[in-house]
Amino acid sequence: GVPGDMPEYKTRKGESLIDALLASGSVTSKSEARRLIEQGGVKVNDVVVKSVDAKAEEGTVKVGKRKFVRFV
């Protein structure tokens, strides 16, 4: 399930999802973020992100199996 207490990250308007994942500490590099997205390992509000060009949007982001962050 989704944990009740998860870190929050304030996204900037027009920020790419890759940059937001890196800045929030969910991934250690842009290449790791890109690889996870390409392999279907990133979900925003339970929807799999299919494009590495996706923009960050408000909601619950799941990275891999166990990392969660809330974008506000």
Protein backbone atom coordinates (compact mmCIF):
# COMPACT_ATOMS: atom_id res chain seq x y z
CA GLY A 1 0.00 0.00 0.00
CA VAL A 2 0.83 3.66 -0.03
CA PRO A 3 2.39 4.96 3.20
CA GLY A 4 0.53 7.72 5.02
CA ASP A 5 3.67 9.71 5.77
CA MET A 6 5.88 10.24 2.76
CA PRO A 7 8.30 13.02 1.84
CA GLU A 8 6.88 15.96 -0.08
CA TYR A 9 8.54 17.84 -2.91
CA LYS A 10 7.34 21.20 -4.25
CA THR A 11 7.46 21.01 -8.02
CA ARG A 12 8.17 24.03 -10.20
CA LYS A 13 5.93 24.94 -13.13
CA GLY A 14 7.10 23.15 -16.28
CA GLU A 15 9.69 21.05 -14.41
CA SER A 16 10.49 17.72 -16.04
CA LEU A 17 9.70 14.56 -14.12
CA ILE A 18 13.35 13.46 -14.34
CA ASP A 19 14.56 16.70 -12.73
CA ALA A 20 11.88 16.49 -10.03
CA LEU A 21 12.81 12.88 -9.19
CA LEU A 22 16.47 13.85 -8.86
CA ALA A 23 15.77 16.98 -6.79
CA SER A 24 13.43 15.09 -4.44
CA GLY A 25 16.09 12.48 -3.75
CA SER A 26 14.05 9.62 -5.24
CA VAL A 27 16.87 8.73 -7.65
CA THR A 28 20.61 9.30 -7.54
CA SER A 29 21.08 10.37 -11.17
CA LYS A 30 19.18 11.48 -14.24
CA SER A 31 20.23 8.31 -16.05
CA GLU A 32 18.71 6.20 -13.26
CA ALA A 33 15.45 8.18 -13.54
CA ARG A 34 15.42 7.79 -17.33
CA ARG A 35 16.05 4.03 -17.07
CA LEU A 36 13.30 3.56 -14.48
CA ILE A 37 10.79 5.45 -16.65
CA GLU A 38 11.76 3.45 -19.75
CA GLN A 39 11.28 0.20 -17.82
CA GLY A 40 7.89 1.24 -16.43
CA GLY A 41 9.13 1.65 -12.87
CA VAL A 42 7.65 5.11 -12.21
CA LYS A 43 3.97 5.72 -11.51
CA VAL A 44 2.16 9.01 -10.92
CA ASN A 45 -1.22 8.55 -9.22
CA ASP A 46 -1.10 4.81 -10.08
CA VAL A 47 -0.58 5.51 -13.81
CA VAL A 48 2.65 4.21 -15.37
CA VAL A 49 4.75 7.01 -16.89
CA LYS A 50 5.67 6.01 -20.44
CA SER A 51 7.62 9.07 -21.65
CA VAL A 52 11.00 10.32 -20.41
CA ASP A 53 9.81 13.78 -21.52
CA ALA A 54 6.92 13.78 -19.01
CA LYS A 55 6.41 16.85 -16.86
CA ALA A 56 6.14 16.69 -13.08
CA GLU A 57 2.57 16.98 -11.84
CA GLU A 58 0.95 17.04 -8.43
CA GLY A 59 0.18 13.69 -6.87
CA THR A 60 1.69 10.56 -5.40
CA VAL A 61 4.75 9.27 -7.21
CA LYS A 62 5.96 5.69 -6.82
CA VAL A 63 9.56 5.03 -7.83
CA GLY A 64 10.46 1.36 -8.09
CA LYS A 65 8.79 -0.92 -5.57
CA ARG A 66 9.31 0.90 -2.29
CA LYS A 67 10.01 4.62 -2.79
CA PHE A 68 7.18 7.09 -2.55
CA VAL A 69 7.14 10.89 -2.73
CA ARG A 70 4.25 13.35 -2.89
CA PHE A 71 4.61 16.14 -5.45
CA VAL A 72 2.79 19.30 -4.40
